[in-house]
Amino acid sequence: MRLTKGTTMQDTDTSVQRARKMRCFLQACASLALLITCPFGVMRAQGQKPLLLRDPSVSKRQIAFSYAGSIWIAGRDAGNVRRLTSGGHEGKPIFSPDGSQIAFTGDYDGNRGVYVVSATGGEPRRLTYHPADLDVVGWTPDGKRVLFSSARTAFAGGVVQLFTVPIEGGFATQLPLARASEASLSKDGTRVAYVPNVQWQDAWKRYRGGQTKPIWIANLADSSIQATIPRDNSNDFNPMWVGDTIYFLSDRNGPVTLFSYDLKSRQVKQIVKNDGFDIKSASAASDAIVYEQFGSLHFLDLNSGGDSALSIQLVGDLAEVRPHFQKIEPKRIRFSDISPTGARAVFGVRGEVLTVPAEKGDIRNLTNTTDVVERDPAWSPDGKSIAYLSDESGEYNLHIRDQSGLGDVRKIDLGKPPTFYYSPRWSPDS
């Protein structure tokens, strides 16, 4: 390695004034406004690790889901996977009742709107042009209109209402409900199962405050509430009306899982046993439900009761994972420290650990692991080493390496059970 003035391989401790160290630190921080190589295409072996597949929808023959900001489609057997949209701003796909079209939420022009695309591919058509944000919720049973939620005419903050818009485009029509967000219509379109309120923090596990979500069943002819799915202040959401049953997600027994409500017997039954991560979303057809759990998709056969994880293999031209340069802005810098001599500074940014010269020299990427998060770098008092936390093993452990970036990394297991560690600090003797 070629050395430059003011930079040594061991950067040993010397007597330096605080003012000089602060000046060097600020100069090093400014020098990060450069382009650095971020080879996102370099990945560890994936195996069956979650791909963060989201918002699944199911038709009689296919499933659709969102991944990396695009809509993807596959067969029910997880085969023939292909990307349906490529704008990078699409989510929440929902099949039309006959499976020929997919409605989705798109954000291309500064706000979310309702779009429709053929299930065989093609150019998406925009159906709404209102400046307020909209989210696709479903379809009317005849497949002629798309159901969406919006606060476009809300009478108070935090209030969302339901609307439908023709698939040919045109004016939206509001459902006769004062407030409603997630919803599913009965087969004849005369009733709706819906969640009346929104929750400002829907990731708050086991929340039991005033914003818990019930599911109400209303008659659209007179807006009367015919029934409420029985609950004890649980969070019930994502209703799916199938025949005489309403399937839904709930945290009433612990982790969020799938339940059913029989409209005739008025009994609630747990359908999927879940002792793990929450089920985040689900979609139903007449004979099956596809649900999302920890970034993976699962297929539930309503006739046989069989429940299996789908092995989705994504193949596509993903520009995001191609090796490319990434501009590092000062606001992206999460962690920082100064070498004992003030000749270099170390930064934690975008999951990497970089050292930067105060005056002359090169930026060193000490980690260069784009699929691992490293953070909280700390320079040793003798200037020889940098310690930081890394989740390379799956849990955060302590790593120590030479400040030059050369040699092997020393890895220290911080023990079990898994926990979250912060801010390593060296003893004075390093």
Protein backbone atom coordinates (compact mmCIF):
# COMPACT_ATOMS: atom_id res chain seq x y z
CA MET A 1 0.00 0.00 0.00
CA ARG A 2 1.34 3.42 -0.92
CA LEU A 3 1.48 5.73 2.07
CA THR A 4 0.85 9.46 1.94
CA LYS A 5 2.04 12.22 4.17
CA GLY A 6 0.14 12.35 7.41
CA THR A 7 -0.96 8.70 7.20
CA THR A 8 0.92 5.75 8.71
CA MET A 9 0.15 2.06 8.75
CA GLN A 10 -0.22 2.02 12.52
CA ASP A 11 -1.34 5.59 13.12
CA THR A 12 0.08 5.52 16.65
CA ASP A 13 -1.03 7.83 19.40
CA THR A 14 0.70 11.19 19.76
CA SER A 15 0.07 14.35 21.73
CA VAL A 16 -2.44 16.32 19.61
CA GLN A 17 -4.46 19.37 20.45
CA ARG A 18 -8.26 18.90 20.53
CA ALA A 19 -8.72 21.79 18.15
CA ARG A 20 -6.55 20.14 15.49
CA LYS A 21 -8.42 16.84 15.89
CA MET A 22 -11.76 18.59 15.45
CA ARG A 23 -10.48 20.41 12.35
CA CYS A 24 -9.24 17.14 10.89
CA PHE A 25 -12.54 15.47 11.72
CA LEU A 26 -14.54 18.12 9.87
CA GLN A 27 -12.22 17.90 6.87
CA ALA A 28 -12.58 14.12 6.78
CA CYS A 29 -16.35 14.39 7.02
CA ALA A 30 -16.40 16.77 4.06
CA SER A 31 -14.27 14.39 2.00
CA LEU A 32 -17.02 11.77 2.17
CA ALA A 33 -18.94 13.74 -0.42
CA LEU A 34 -17.37 11.44 -3.02
CA LEU A 35 -18.50 8.50 -5.08
CA ILE A 36 -17.66 5.14 -3.53
CA THR A 37 -18.09 1.70 -5.01
CA CYS A 38 -21.05 -0.23 -3.64
CA PRO A 39 -21.13 -3.68 -5.30
CA PHE A 40 -24.67 -4.66 -4.28
CA GLY A 41 -24.51 -7.58 -6.69
CA VAL A 42 -22.13 -9.40 -4.33
CA MET A 43 -24.39 -11.54 -2.15
CA ARG A 44 -23.99 -14.47 0.19
CA ALA A 45 -25.58 -17.77 -0.75
CA GLN A 46 -29.30 -17.19 -0.33
CA GLY A 47 -30.58 -20.74 0.13
CA GLN A 48 -34.14 -20.45 1.37
CA LYS A 49 -33.68 -17.15 3.16
CA PRO A 50 -36.65 -14.73 3.03
CA LEU A 51 -36.80 -12.47 -0.01
CA LEU A 52 -39.09 -9.84 1.55
CA LEU A 53 -41.99 -10.71 -0.74
CA ARG A 54 -45.00 -8.60 0.19
CA ASP A 55 -48.72 -7.98 -0.43
CA PRO A 56 -49.65 -11.36 -1.96
CA SER A 57 -52.80 -11.83 -4.03
CA VAL A 58 -54.24 -15.07 -5.39
CA SER A 59 -56.50 -15.95 -8.33
CA LYS A 60 -57.74 -19.33 -9.57
CA ARG A 61 -54.45 -20.02 -11.37
CA GLN A 62 -51.85 -17.47 -10.27
CA ILE A 63 -50.39 -15.45 -7.41
CA ALA A 64 -49.10 -11.89 -7.52
CA PHE A 65 -46.89 -10.06 -5.05
CA SER A 66 -44.67 -7.01 -4.71
CA TYR A 67 -40.89 -7.17 -4.49
CA ALA A 68 -38.30 -4.41 -4.79
CA GLY A 69 -40.97 -1.88 -5.72
CA SER A 70 -42.39 -3.91 -8.62
CA ILE A 71 -45.29 -6.30 -9.16
CA TRP A 72 -44.39 -9.93 -9.87
CA ILE A 73 -46.62 -12.82 -10.92
CA ALA A 74 -46.27 -16.62 -10.72
CA GLY A 75 -48.26 -19.80 -10.94
CA ARG A 76 -49.86 -21.24 -7.84
CA ASP A 77 -47.04 -23.77 -7.75
CA ALA A 78 -44.52 -20.88 -7.58
CA GLY A 79 -43.36 -21.62 -11.12
CA ASN A 80 -43.10 -19.32 -14.14
CA VAL A 81 -42.16 -16.29 -12.04
CA ARG A 82 -41.95 -13.06 -14.00
CA ARG A 83 -41.96 -9.34 -13.32
CA LEU A 84 -45.17 -7.63 -14.39
CA THR A 85 -44.21 -3.98 -13.79
CA SER A 86 -40.83 -2.28 -13.75
CA GLY A 87 -41.36 1.30 -12.61
CA GLY A 88 -40.11 0.64 -9.09
CA HIS A 89 -43.08 2.39 -7.48
CA GLU A 90 -45.77 -0.30 -7.35
CA GLY A 91 -47.35 -2.27 -4.52
CA LYS A 92 -50.50 -3.95 -3.16
CA PRO A 93 -51.50 -5.96 -6.25
CA ILE A 94 -55.02 -7.46 -6.23
CA PHE A 95 -56.47 -9.78 -8.88
CA SER A 96 -59.82 -9.01 -10.46
CA PRO A 97 -62.52 -11.64 -9.72
CA ASP A 98 -61.86 -13.42 -13.05
CA GLY A 99 -58.07 -13.19 -12.62
CA SER A 100 -57.54 -11.37 -15.92
CA GLN A 101 -56.42 -8.02 -14.45
CA ILE A 102 -54.46 -6.74 -11.49
CA ALA A 103 -55.20 -3.48 -9.71
CA PHE A 104 -52.31 -1.98 -7.77
CA THR A 105 -51.15 1.15 -5.97
CA GLY A 106 -48.65 3.12 -8.03
CA ASP A 107 -46.57 6.15 -7.09
CA TYR A 108 -45.11 7.59 -10.28
CA ASP A 109 -45.98 11.29 -10.15
CA GLY A 110 -45.60 12.28 -6.52
CA ASN A 111 -48.66 10.64 -5.00
CA ARG A 112 -50.18 7.17 -4.78
CA GLY A 113 -52.93 6.35 -7.27
CA VAL A 114 -54.94 3.41 -8.56
CA TYR A 115 -53.64 1.55 -11.63
CA VAL A 116 -54.75 -1.54 -13.54
CA VAL A 117 -52.62 -3.87 -15.68
CA SER A 118 -53.43 -7.06 -17.56
CA ALA A 119 -52.30 -10.25 -15.79
CA THR A 120 -50.53 -11.19 -19.03
CA GLY A 121 -48.51 -7.95 -19.00
CA GLY A 122 -48.69 -4.65 -20.82
CA GLU A 123 -48.87 -0.97 -20.03
CA PRO A 124 -50.57 -0.06 -16.73
CA ARG A 125 -53.56 2.28 -16.95
CA ARG A 126 -54.11 4.98 -14.37
CA LEU A 127 -57.66 5.20 -13.01
CA THR A 128 -57.43 8.02 -10.45
CA TYR A 129 -55.93 11.50 -10.68
CA HIS A 130 -56.85 13.01 -7.32
CA PRO A 131 -53.90 14.73 -5.54
CA ALA A 132 -54.59 12.84 -2.31
CA ASP A 133 -52.87 9.52 -1.72
CA LEU A 134 -54.94 6.42 -2.50
CA ASP A 135 -54.48 2.70 -1.77
CA VAL A 136 -56.05 -0.21 -3.62
CA VAL A 137 -58.26 -2.35 -1.36
CA GLY A 138 -60.08 -4.73 -3.72
CA TRP A 139 -62.64 -5.14 -6.50
CA THR A 140 -66.41 -5.16 -6.73
CA PRO A 141 -67.68 -8.75 -7.28
CA ASP A 142 -68.63 -8.04 -10.92
CA GLY A 143 -65.08 -6.93 -11.70
CA LYS A 144 -66.24 -3.61 -13.12
CA ARG A 145 -64.89 -1.31 -10.41
CA VAL A 146 -61.80 -1.11 -8.18
CA LEU A 147 -62.22 -0.47 -4.46
CA PHE A 148 -59.73 1.91 -2.84
CA SER A 149 -59.23 3.86 0.38
CA SER A 150 -58.38 7.52 0.72
CA ALA A 151 -58.62 10.52 3.05
CA ARG A 152 -59.56 12.75 0.08
CA THR A 153 -62.89 13.81 1.62
CA ALA A 154 -62.09 13.09 5.27
CA PHE A 155 -63.81 15.25 7.86
CA ALA A 156 -60.96 14.89 10.39
CA GLY A 157 -57.35 13.85 10.59
CA GLY A 158 -56.74 10.12 10.70
CA VAL A 159 -60.04 9.33 8.95
CA VAL A 160 -60.01 7.17 5.82
CA GLN A 161 -62.99 6.31 3.62
CA LEU A 162 -63.73 3.84 0.82
CA PHE A 163 -64.42 4.58 -2.83
CA THR A 164 -64.86 2.70 -6.10
CA VAL A 165 -63.73 3.76 -9.58
CA PRO A 166 -64.73 2.19 -12.95
CA ILE A 167 -61.99 0.17 -14.67
CA GLU A 168 -62.55 2.33 -17.76
CA GLY A 169 -61.75 5.40 -15.67
CA GLY A 170 -64.05 8.20 -14.57
CA PHE A 171 -65.37 9.66 -11.36
CA ALA A 172 -65.02 7.79 -8.08
CA THR A 173 -68.04 6.91 -5.95
CA GLN A 174 -67.85 6.86 -2.16
CA LEU A 175 -69.25 3.93 -0.20
CA PRO A 176 -71.90 5.07 2.32
CA LEU A 177 -69.64 4.62 5.35
CA ALA A 178 -68.40 7.50 7.50
CA ARG A 179 -65.01 5.90 8.03
CA ALA A 180 -63.52 2.69 6.66
CA SER A 181 -60.12 1.43 5.55
CA GLU A 182 -59.51 -2.26 4.78
CA ALA A 183 -62.55 -4.01 3.34
CA SER A 184 -63.99 -6.97 1.46
CA LEU A 185 -67.37 -7.11 -0.28
CA SER A 186 -69.82 -10.00 -0.14
CA LYS A 187 -70.36 -12.00 -3.35
CA ASP A 188 -73.59 -10.12 -4.16
CA GLY A 189 -72.00 -6.74 -3.37
CA THR A 190 -74.70 -5.76 -0.85
CA ARG A 191 -72.58 -6.07 2.30
CA VAL A 192 -69.05 -5.24 3.31
CA ALA A 193 -66.69 -6.45 6.03
CA TYR A 194 -64.39 -3.58 6.92
CA VAL A 195 -62.06 -2.03 9.48
CA PRO A 196 -63.54 1.32 10.56
CA ASN A 197 -60.36 3.02 11.77
CA VAL A 198 -56.67 3.28 10.95
CA GLN A 199 -53.84 2.75 13.41
CA TRP A 200 -51.07 5.30 13.44
CA GLN A 201 -48.51 2.64 14.43
CA ASP A 202 -49.60 -0.71 13.02
CA ALA A 203 -46.30 -2.39 13.94
CA TRP A 204 -46.89 -1.94 17.67
CA LYS A 205 -47.00 -5.55 18.83
CA ARG A 206 -49.74 -6.54 21.28
CA TYR A 207 -51.13 -3.01 21.27
CA ARG A 208 -54.34 -2.74 23.29
CA GLY A 209 -55.00 0.99 23.35
CA GLY A 210 -57.80 3.06 21.90
CA GLN A 211 -56.83 2.42 18.28
CA THR A 212 -57.25 -1.36 18.23
CA LYS A 213 -59.02 -2.47 15.07
CA PRO A 214 -62.33 -4.33 14.98
CA ILE A 215 -64.02 -5.72 11.86
CA TRP A 216 -67.59 -4.57 11.25
CA ILE A 217 -70.10 -5.98 8.79
CA ALA A 218 -72.38 -3.39 7.20
CA ASN A 219 -75.36 -3.39 4.85
CA LEU A 220 -74.56 -0.92 2.05
CA ALA A 221 -78.26 -0.28 1.36
CA ASP A 222 -78.75 1.66 4.61
CA SER A 223 -75.21 1.73 6.11
CA SER A 224 -76.41 -0.25 9.13
CA ILE A 225 -73.94 -2.37 11.08
CA GLN A 226 -75.29 -5.93 11.00
CA ALA A 227 -72.57 -7.61 13.03
CA THR A 228 -69.13 -7.22 14.55
CA ILE A 229 -66.67 -10.09 14.58
CA PRO A 230 -66.41 -11.09 18.28
CA ARG A 231 -63.21 -9.91 19.95
CA ASP A 232 -61.66 -8.82 23.24
CA ASN A 233 -59.95 -5.59 22.18
CA SER A 234 -57.68 -7.42 19.74
CA ASN A 235 -56.33 -6.06 16.46
CA ASP A 236 -58.44 -7.66 13.71
CA PHE A 237 -57.74 -6.67 10.10
CA ASN A 238 -57.37 -7.80 6.47
CA PRO A 239 -60.95 -9.20 6.07
CA MET A 240 -61.50 -11.66 3.18
CA TRP A 241 -65.11 -12.60 2.35
CA VAL A 242 -65.40 -16.15 0.93
CA GLY A 243 -68.93 -17.56 0.68
CA ASP A 244 -70.44 -17.61 4.17
CA THR A 245 -67.07 -17.14 5.86
CA ILE A 246 -64.99 -14.07 6.58
CA TYR A 247 -61.30 -14.84 6.97
CA PHE A 248 -59.15 -12.27 8.75
CA LEU A 249 -55.85 -11.68 10.55
CA SER A 250 -55.75 -11.10 14.29
CA ASP A 251 -53.34 -10.94 17.24
CA ARG A 252 -55.98 -12.17 19.71
CA ASN A 253 -53.99 -15.32 20.60
CA GLY A 254 -50.48 -13.84 20.41
CA PRO A 255 -48.62 -13.50 17.10
CA VAL A 256 -50.82 -12.32 14.24
CA THR A 257 -52.32 -15.31 12.44
CA LEU A 258 -55.30 -16.37 10.31
CA PHE A 259 -58.80 -16.79 11.70
CA SER A 260 -62.27 -17.35 10.24
CA TYR A 261 -65.72 -16.09 11.20
CA ASP A 262 -68.72 -18.19 10.18
CA LEU A 263 -71.60 -15.88 9.31
CA LYS A 264 -74.22 -18.54 10.14
CA SER A 265 -72.92 -19.91 13.43
CA ARG A 266 -71.20 -16.62 14.37
CA GLN A 267 -68.21 -18.56 15.64
CA VAL A 268 -64.55 -17.58 15.33
CA LYS A 269 -61.98 -20.27 14.57
CA GLN A 270 -58.20 -20.14 14.33
CA ILE A 271 -57.10 -21.53 10.95
CA VAL A 272 -53.30 -21.31 11.07
CA LYS A 273 -51.30 -22.16 14.18
CA ASN A 274 -48.57 -19.58 14.61
CA ASP A 275 -45.90 -19.47 17.31
CA GLY A 276 -43.47 -17.40 15.26
CA PHE A 277 -43.48 -14.11 13.41
CA ASP A 278 -46.64 -12.15 12.64
CA ILE A 279 -48.52 -12.79 9.41
CA LYS A 280 -48.48 -9.37 7.76
CA SER A 281 -51.06 -9.67 4.94
CA ALA A 282 -53.21 -12.22 3.14
CA SER A 283 -55.44 -12.65 0.10
CA ALA A 284 -58.22 -15.15 -0.63
CA ALA A 285 -59.71 -16.84 -3.66
CA SER A 286 -62.70 -19.20 -3.51
CA ASP A 287 -60.51 -22.19 -2.63
CA ALA A 288 -57.21 -20.83 -1.31
CA ILE A 289 -55.47 -18.16 0.74
CA VAL A 290 -51.94 -16.87 0.21
CA TYR A 291 -50.34 -15.08 3.15
CA GLU A 292 -47.09 -13.28 3.91
CA GLN A 293 -44.94 -14.22 6.90
CA PHE A 294 -41.39 -12.96 7.49
CA GLY A 295 -40.89 -12.06 3.84
CA SER A 296 -42.01 -15.48 2.54
CA LEU A 297 -45.30 -16.52 0.96
CA HIS A 298 -47.44 -19.44 2.12
CA PHE A 299 -50.26 -21.23 0.26
CA LEU A 300 -53.26 -22.50 2.24
CA ASP A 301 -55.67 -24.87 0.49
CA LEU A 302 -59.11 -24.20 1.97
CA ASN A 303 -60.46 -27.57 0.86
CA SER A 304 -57.72 -29.87 2.15
CA GLY A 305 -56.29 -27.60 4.84
CA GLY A 306 -52.80 -28.06 3.44
CA ASP A 307 -50.44 -25.20 4.29
CA SER A 308 -47.05 -24.92 2.59
CA ALA A 309 -44.37 -22.32 1.99
CA LEU A 310 -43.92 -21.29 -1.63
CA SER A 311 -40.38 -21.56 -3.01
CA ILE A 312 -40.24 -18.38 -5.10
CA GLN A 313 -37.14 -18.09 -7.28
CA LEU A 314 -36.80 -14.57 -8.68
CA VAL A 315 -34.98 -14.11 -11.95
CA GLY A 316 -34.88 -10.68 -13.53
CA ASP A 317 -32.82 -7.74 -14.65
CA LEU A 318 -32.58 -6.00 -11.29
CA ALA A 319 -30.63 -2.81 -11.89
CA GLU A 320 -30.52 -2.16 -8.16
CA VAL A 321 -28.15 -5.08 -7.51
CA ARG A 322 -25.72 -4.26 -10.31
CA PRO A 323 -22.32 -3.03 -8.99
CA HIS A 324 -22.46 0.76 -9.10
CA PHE A 325 -21.22 3.93 -7.45
CA GLN A 326 -23.20 5.48 -4.61
CA LYS A 327 -22.83 9.08 -3.50
CA ILE A 328 -22.49 9.32 0.26
CA GLU A 329 -24.20 12.38 1.69
CA PRO A 330 -23.31 13.71 5.15
CA LYS A 331 -26.85 13.02 6.39
CA ARG A 332 -26.24 9.30 5.72
CA ILE A 333 -23.36 9.16 8.22
CA ARG A 334 -24.60 7.28 11.28
CA PHE A 335 -21.43 6.77 13.34
CA SER A 336 -18.02 8.46 13.59
CA ASP A 337 -14.76 8.48 15.51
CA ILE A 338 -11.29 10.07 15.16
CA SER A 339 -7.94 8.34 15.16
CA PRO A 340 -5.69 9.17 18.12
CA THR A 341 -3.43 11.31 15.91
CA GLY A 342 -6.30 13.05 14.17
CA ALA A 343 -4.83 11.99 10.82
CA ARG A 344 -7.87 9.92 9.87
CA ALA A 345 -11.52 9.59 10.86
CA VAL A 346 -13.71 6.48 10.77
CA PHE A 347 -17.36 6.53 9.71
CA GLY A 348 -20.22 4.06 9.72
CA VAL A 349 -22.40 4.70 6.67
CA ARG A 350 -24.84 2.51 4.72
CA GLY A 351 -23.74 -0.51 6.77
CA GLU A 352 -20.05 -0.11 5.89
CA VAL A 353 -17.03 1.07 7.89
CA LEU A 354 -14.85 3.63 6.09
CA THR A 355 -11.77 5.55 7.16
CA VAL A 356 -11.05 8.92 5.57
CA PRO A 357 -7.86 11.04 5.64
CA ALA A 358 -8.03 14.49 7.15
CA GLU A 359 -5.79 15.95 4.43
CA LYS A 360 -4.23 13.56 1.89
CA GLY A 361 -4.73 9.92 1.07
CA ASP A 362 -7.39 7.46 0.01
CA ILE A 363 -10.71 6.48 1.51
CA ARG A 364 -10.51 2.91 2.83
CA ASN A 365 -13.56 0.66 2.94
CA LEU A 366 -12.57 -1.68 5.77
CA THR A 367 -15.56 -4.01 5.45
CA ASN A 368 -16.88 -3.93 1.85
CA THR A 369 -19.73 -6.32 2.66
CA THR A 370 -22.92 -5.01 1.10
CA ASP A 371 -25.13 -7.79 2.47
CA VAL A 372 -23.89 -7.30 6.06
CA VAL A 373 -24.53 -4.37 8.39
CA GLU A 374 -21.54 -3.01 10.30
CA ARG A 375 -21.92 -0.11 12.69
CA ASP A 376 -20.54 1.72 15.74
CA PRO A 377 -16.83 1.80 14.77
CA ALA A 378 -14.38 2.72 17.55
CA TRP A 379 -10.66 3.47 17.08
CA SER A 380 -8.29 1.90 19.62
CA PRO A 381 -6.19 4.30 21.74
CA ASP A 382 -2.94 2.93 20.27
CA GLY A 383 -4.25 3.73 16.77
CA LYS A 384 -3.69 0.20 15.44
CA SER A 385 -7.20 -1.28 15.38
CA ILE A 386 -10.85 -0.46 14.79
CA ALA A 387 -13.64 -2.32 16.59
CA TYR A 388 -17.20 -2.41 15.29
CA LEU A 389 -20.41 -4.43 15.53
CA SER A 390 -21.39 -6.75 12.67
CA ASP A 391 -24.47 -8.90 11.98
CA GLU A 392 -22.57 -11.21 9.61
CA SER A 393 -23.47 -14.28 11.69
CA GLY A 394 -27.15 -13.35 11.90
CA GLU A 395 -26.77 -11.69 15.30
CA TYR A 396 -24.58 -8.72 16.27
CA ASN A 397 -21.06 -9.68 17.33
CA LEU A 398 -17.87 -7.72 17.91
CA HIS A 399 -15.32 -7.53 15.08
CA ILE A 400 -11.82 -6.06 15.32
CA ARG A 401 -9.47 -5.42 12.42
CA ASP A 402 -6.31 -3.51 11.57
CA GLN A 403 -7.00 0.14 10.76
CA SER A 404 -5.19 -0.33 7.44
CA GLY A 405 -7.79 -2.84 6.29
CA LEU A 406 -5.14 -5.55 5.89
CA GLY A 407 -5.08 -8.92 7.59
CA ASP A 408 -7.81 -11.10 9.04
CA VAL A 409 -10.76 -9.89 11.06
CA ARG A 410 -10.93 -10.99 14.70
CA LYS A 411 -14.51 -12.02 15.49
CA ILE A 412 -15.78 -12.17 19.08
CA ASP A 413 -19.08 -13.91 19.88
CA LEU A 414 -21.00 -11.78 22.34
CA GLY A 415 -23.02 -14.75 23.58
CA LYS A 416 -26.64 -15.79 23.80
CA PRO A 417 -29.50 -15.05 23.94
CA PRO A 418 -29.58 -12.71 20.93
CA THR A 419 -29.66 -9.07 21.84
CA PHE A 420 -28.81 -5.69 20.38
CA TYR A 421 -25.45 -4.18 21.30
CA TYR A 422 -24.28 -0.56 21.08
CA SER A 423 -21.21 1.66 21.15
CA PRO A 424 -18.08 -0.43 21.88
CA ARG A 425 -15.42 1.44 23.88
CA TRP A 426 -11.74 0.52 24.28
CA SER A 427 -9.83 0.34 27.56
CA PRO A 428 -6.99 2.91 27.77
CA ASP A 429 -4.32 0.23 27.08
CA SER A 430 -6.17 -0.95 23.92
